[in-house]
Amino acid sequence: MSNTLCPCGSQQPLSHCCQPIHQNPALAIHPEQLMRSRYSAHVLGLVDYVVATYHPSCHAEDYRDAIADSVNSHWLGLNVINSEIAPSGEGFVEFEAYYQDGDEQYCLAERSRFLQESTDGVAQWYYIDGEYPDQAHQSEPELTPHSVPLQPIANPDKIGRNDPCLCGSGKKYKKCCG
C-alpha cells in the first residue's frame, strides 16, 4: 500500500499523506490537510474517522447512518480551490468533490469551515459546517485527472443531508430545511 497514491489528489503516497492523519487527526496542522484526509476517508470507507473529525458540537454520532451513506458513495476526485486560516482562527477550505450515483455523476461544491480545539495541550482541527458557493459566481472548475465534468445535484426525491438545500439558501439541506 505504500506506493498507492493518496485519494486526496496530492500525488503523494497514501502512507505519507492522509494515512498518518487517519491514525492521528491532530497531525493535520492546517484545515486543508484535515479536509483532504476527510475526503480520503470517504474514498476508503473510514466512517469512524469522518465521525470523529466533526466538531463535538455537531453531535455527528447521532447522524452516523447518514454519514455512512455519504462515505459509501462512489467518490471520483477532489479539486481544492482555496484554503485559509482567517484572523478569527477559523479555517476555510473551498473544494469540489466529484462522485457517482448510479449512472449519474455529481459535484459537491462547498466552502467548509473548521475550528481548532485544544485538549490536554494538543490542538486539533475539526469540521464544523459548510456553505455552498453561489453557483452564479463560480468559474468553470479546474479538473484534475480523477475528476469529472461538473453536473448539478438536483434530485428532490433523493436529497442527502450534505446536498444543497432546495430552497436556494446556499446552505446544506441538514443546516436549513432538513
Protein backbone atom coordinates (compact mmCIF):
# COMPACT_ATOMS: atom_id res chain seq x y z
CA MET A 1 0.00 0.00 0.00
CA SER A 2 3.00 2.30 0.40
CA ASN A 3 3.05 3.02 -3.35
CA THR A 4 -0.68 3.71 -3.57
CA LEU A 5 -1.36 7.37 -4.35
CA CYS A 6 -3.47 9.19 -1.81
CA PRO A 7 -7.10 9.62 -2.94
CA CYS A 8 -6.96 13.32 -1.93
CA GLY A 9 -5.22 14.17 -5.20
CA SER A 10 -1.92 15.30 -3.66
CA GLN A 11 0.05 12.91 -5.92
CA GLN A 12 1.81 11.70 -2.74
CA PRO A 13 1.77 8.12 -1.44
CA LEU A 14 -1.17 7.50 0.90
CA SER A 15 1.28 6.33 3.57
CA HIS A 16 2.96 9.78 3.56
CA CYS A 17 -0.15 11.91 3.10
CA CYS A 18 -3.56 11.21 4.66
CA GLN A 19 -2.95 7.80 6.26
CA PRO A 20 -0.94 9.19 9.23
CA ILE A 21 -3.71 11.78 9.80
CA HIS A 22 -6.30 8.98 9.70
CA GLN A 23 -4.38 7.40 12.57
CA ASN A 24 -3.98 10.70 14.47
CA PRO A 25 -6.14 13.66 13.32
CA ALA A 26 -4.04 16.08 15.40
CA LEU A 27 -1.29 15.68 12.77
CA ALA A 28 -3.35 17.89 10.44
CA ILE A 29 -1.76 21.28 11.14
CA HIS A 30 -3.85 23.12 8.53
CA PRO A 31 -7.59 22.81 7.81
CA GLU A 32 -6.85 21.80 4.21
CA GLN A 33 -4.98 18.74 5.49
CA LEU A 34 -7.98 17.74 7.58
CA MET A 35 -10.38 18.32 4.68
CA ARG A 36 -8.21 16.23 2.33
CA SER A 37 -7.97 13.47 4.94
CA ARG A 38 -11.77 13.53 5.35
CA TYR A 39 -12.20 13.20 1.58
CA SER A 40 -9.71 10.29 1.54
CA ALA A 41 -11.62 8.71 4.42
CA HIS A 42 -14.77 8.87 2.29
CA VAL A 43 -12.97 7.11 -0.56
CA LEU A 44 -11.51 4.48 1.80
CA GLY A 45 -14.77 3.91 3.74
CA LEU A 46 -13.46 5.17 7.10
CA VAL A 47 -16.78 6.13 8.71
CA ASP A 48 -15.34 6.27 12.25
CA TYR A 49 -12.71 8.79 11.15
CA VAL A 50 -15.25 11.04 9.43
CA VAL A 51 -17.50 10.97 12.52
CA ALA A 52 -14.53 11.66 14.84
CA THR A 53 -13.39 14.71 12.87
CA TYR A 54 -16.70 16.56 13.10
CA HIS A 55 -16.62 19.27 15.76
CA PRO A 56 -18.11 17.90 19.03
CA SER A 57 -20.95 20.44 18.82
CA CYS A 58 -22.19 18.70 15.64
CA HIS A 59 -23.09 15.51 17.55
CA ALA A 60 -22.02 13.50 14.49
CA GLU A 61 -22.51 10.19 16.27
CA ASP A 62 -26.27 10.89 16.17
CA TYR A 63 -26.02 11.02 12.35
CA ARG A 64 -23.70 8.03 11.87
CA ASP A 65 -26.05 6.22 9.45
CA ALA A 66 -26.40 9.27 7.18
CA ILE A 67 -22.64 9.88 7.34
CA ALA A 68 -22.04 6.22 6.43
CA ASP A 69 -24.33 6.63 3.42
CA SER A 70 -22.24 9.59 2.28
CA VAL A 71 -18.96 7.76 2.91
CA ASN A 72 -20.20 4.76 0.96
CA SER A 73 -20.80 6.81 -2.19
CA HIS A 74 -18.56 6.21 -5.20
CA TRP A 75 -16.09 9.12 -4.93
CA LEU A 76 -14.26 10.09 -8.12
CA GLY A 77 -11.98 13.04 -7.39
CA LEU A 78 -11.22 16.18 -5.42
CA ASN A 79 -10.36 19.71 -6.52
CA VAL A 80 -9.26 22.14 -3.77
CA ILE A 81 -9.94 25.70 -4.89
CA ASN A 82 -8.81 27.72 -1.87
CA SER A 83 -7.85 27.27 1.78
CA GLU A 84 -7.11 29.77 4.50
CA ILE A 85 -6.97 30.42 8.21
CA ALA A 86 -8.88 33.61 8.97
CA PRO A 87 -7.70 36.14 11.61
CA SER A 88 -10.55 34.82 13.80
CA GLY A 89 -8.73 31.46 13.92
CA GLU A 90 -11.38 29.69 11.84
CA GLY A 91 -10.20 27.69 8.87
CA PHE A 92 -11.92 27.61 5.50
CA VAL A 93 -11.48 25.26 2.55
CA GLU A 94 -13.35 25.66 -0.71
CA PHE A 95 -13.44 22.50 -2.78
CA GLU A 96 -15.27 20.38 -5.31
CA ALA A 97 -15.69 16.65 -4.66
CA TYR A 98 -16.93 14.50 -7.50
CA TYR A 99 -18.96 11.33 -7.04
CA GLN A 100 -21.15 8.92 -8.95
CA ASP A 101 -24.60 7.67 -8.02
CA GLY A 102 -25.83 5.01 -10.43
CA ASP A 103 -25.18 6.27 -13.95
CA GLU A 104 -25.11 9.95 -12.89
CA GLN A 105 -22.03 11.94 -11.89
CA TYR A 106 -22.26 14.89 -9.50
CA CYS A 107 -20.14 17.59 -7.93
CA LEU A 108 -20.38 18.63 -4.28
CA ALA A 109 -19.02 22.19 -4.18
CA GLU A 110 -18.57 23.56 -0.67
CA ARG A 111 -16.78 26.16 1.41
CA SER A 112 -16.14 24.23 4.62
CA ARG A 113 -15.50 25.85 7.98
CA PHE A 114 -13.12 24.31 10.51
CA LEU A 115 -12.42 25.11 14.16
CA GLN A 116 -9.33 24.23 16.14
CA GLU A 117 -9.77 22.94 19.69
CA SER A 118 -7.13 22.02 22.26
CA THR A 119 -7.49 19.01 24.53
CA ASP A 120 -4.77 18.24 27.05
CA GLY A 121 -2.50 20.71 25.27
CA VAL A 122 -2.95 19.07 21.85
CA ALA A 123 -4.56 21.23 19.17
CA GLN A 124 -6.78 19.57 16.56
CA TRP A 125 -8.83 20.88 13.64
CA TYR A 126 -12.49 19.82 13.33
CA TYR A 127 -15.04 20.21 10.56
CA ILE A 128 -17.93 22.37 11.83
CA ASP A 129 -20.10 23.18 8.80
CA GLY A 130 -20.08 24.38 5.24
CA GLU A 131 -21.85 26.55 2.74
CA TYR A 132 -22.42 26.03 -0.93
CA PRO A 133 -20.76 28.73 -3.03
CA ASP A 134 -23.05 30.86 -5.17
CA GLN A 135 -23.08 28.88 -8.40
CA ALA A 136 -23.68 32.07 -10.42
CA HIS A 137 -20.28 33.45 -9.35
CA GLN A 138 -18.26 30.28 -9.89
CA SER A 139 -15.94 29.86 -12.81
CA GLU A 140 -15.55 26.54 -14.56
CA PRO A 141 -13.73 24.11 -12.27
CA GLU A 142 -10.15 23.15 -12.95
CA LEU A 143 -10.49 19.43 -13.48
CA THR A 144 -7.96 17.07 -12.00
CA PRO A 145 -7.10 13.72 -13.64
CA HIS A 146 -9.56 11.99 -11.29
CA SER A 147 -12.43 14.45 -11.63
CA VAL A 148 -15.42 14.55 -13.95
CA PRO A 149 -17.43 17.37 -15.52
CA LEU A 150 -19.50 19.43 -13.11
CA GLN A 151 -23.16 18.41 -13.04
CA PRO A 152 -25.90 19.69 -10.74
CA ILE A 153 -27.25 17.85 -7.75
CA ALA A 154 -30.97 18.24 -8.26
CA ASN A 155 -32.96 15.10 -7.47
CA PRO A 156 -35.51 16.27 -4.89
CA ASP A 157 -36.67 12.68 -4.33
CA LYS A 158 -33.22 11.66 -3.10
CA ILE A 159 -31.73 14.70 -1.37
CA GLY A 160 -28.92 13.91 1.03
CA ARG A 161 -28.14 15.78 4.22
CA ASN A 162 -25.00 17.26 2.61
CA ASP A 163 -26.71 18.30 -0.64
CA PRO A 164 -27.57 21.96 -1.27
CA CYS A 165 -30.93 22.87 0.21
CA LEU A 166 -33.68 23.04 -2.40
CA CYS A 167 -34.86 26.41 -1.05
CA GLY A 168 -31.82 28.06 -2.65
CA SER A 169 -30.32 29.40 0.59
CA GLY A 170 -26.83 28.19 -0.32
CA LYS A 171 -26.69 26.09 2.85
CA LYS A 172 -26.61 22.34 3.25
CA TYR A 173 -30.00 20.68 3.50
CA LYS A 174 -29.18 19.45 7.05
CA LYS A 175 -28.46 23.04 8.21
CA CYS A 176 -31.51 24.55 6.53
CA CYS A 177 -34.80 22.85 5.72
CA GLY A 178 -33.68 19.33 6.71
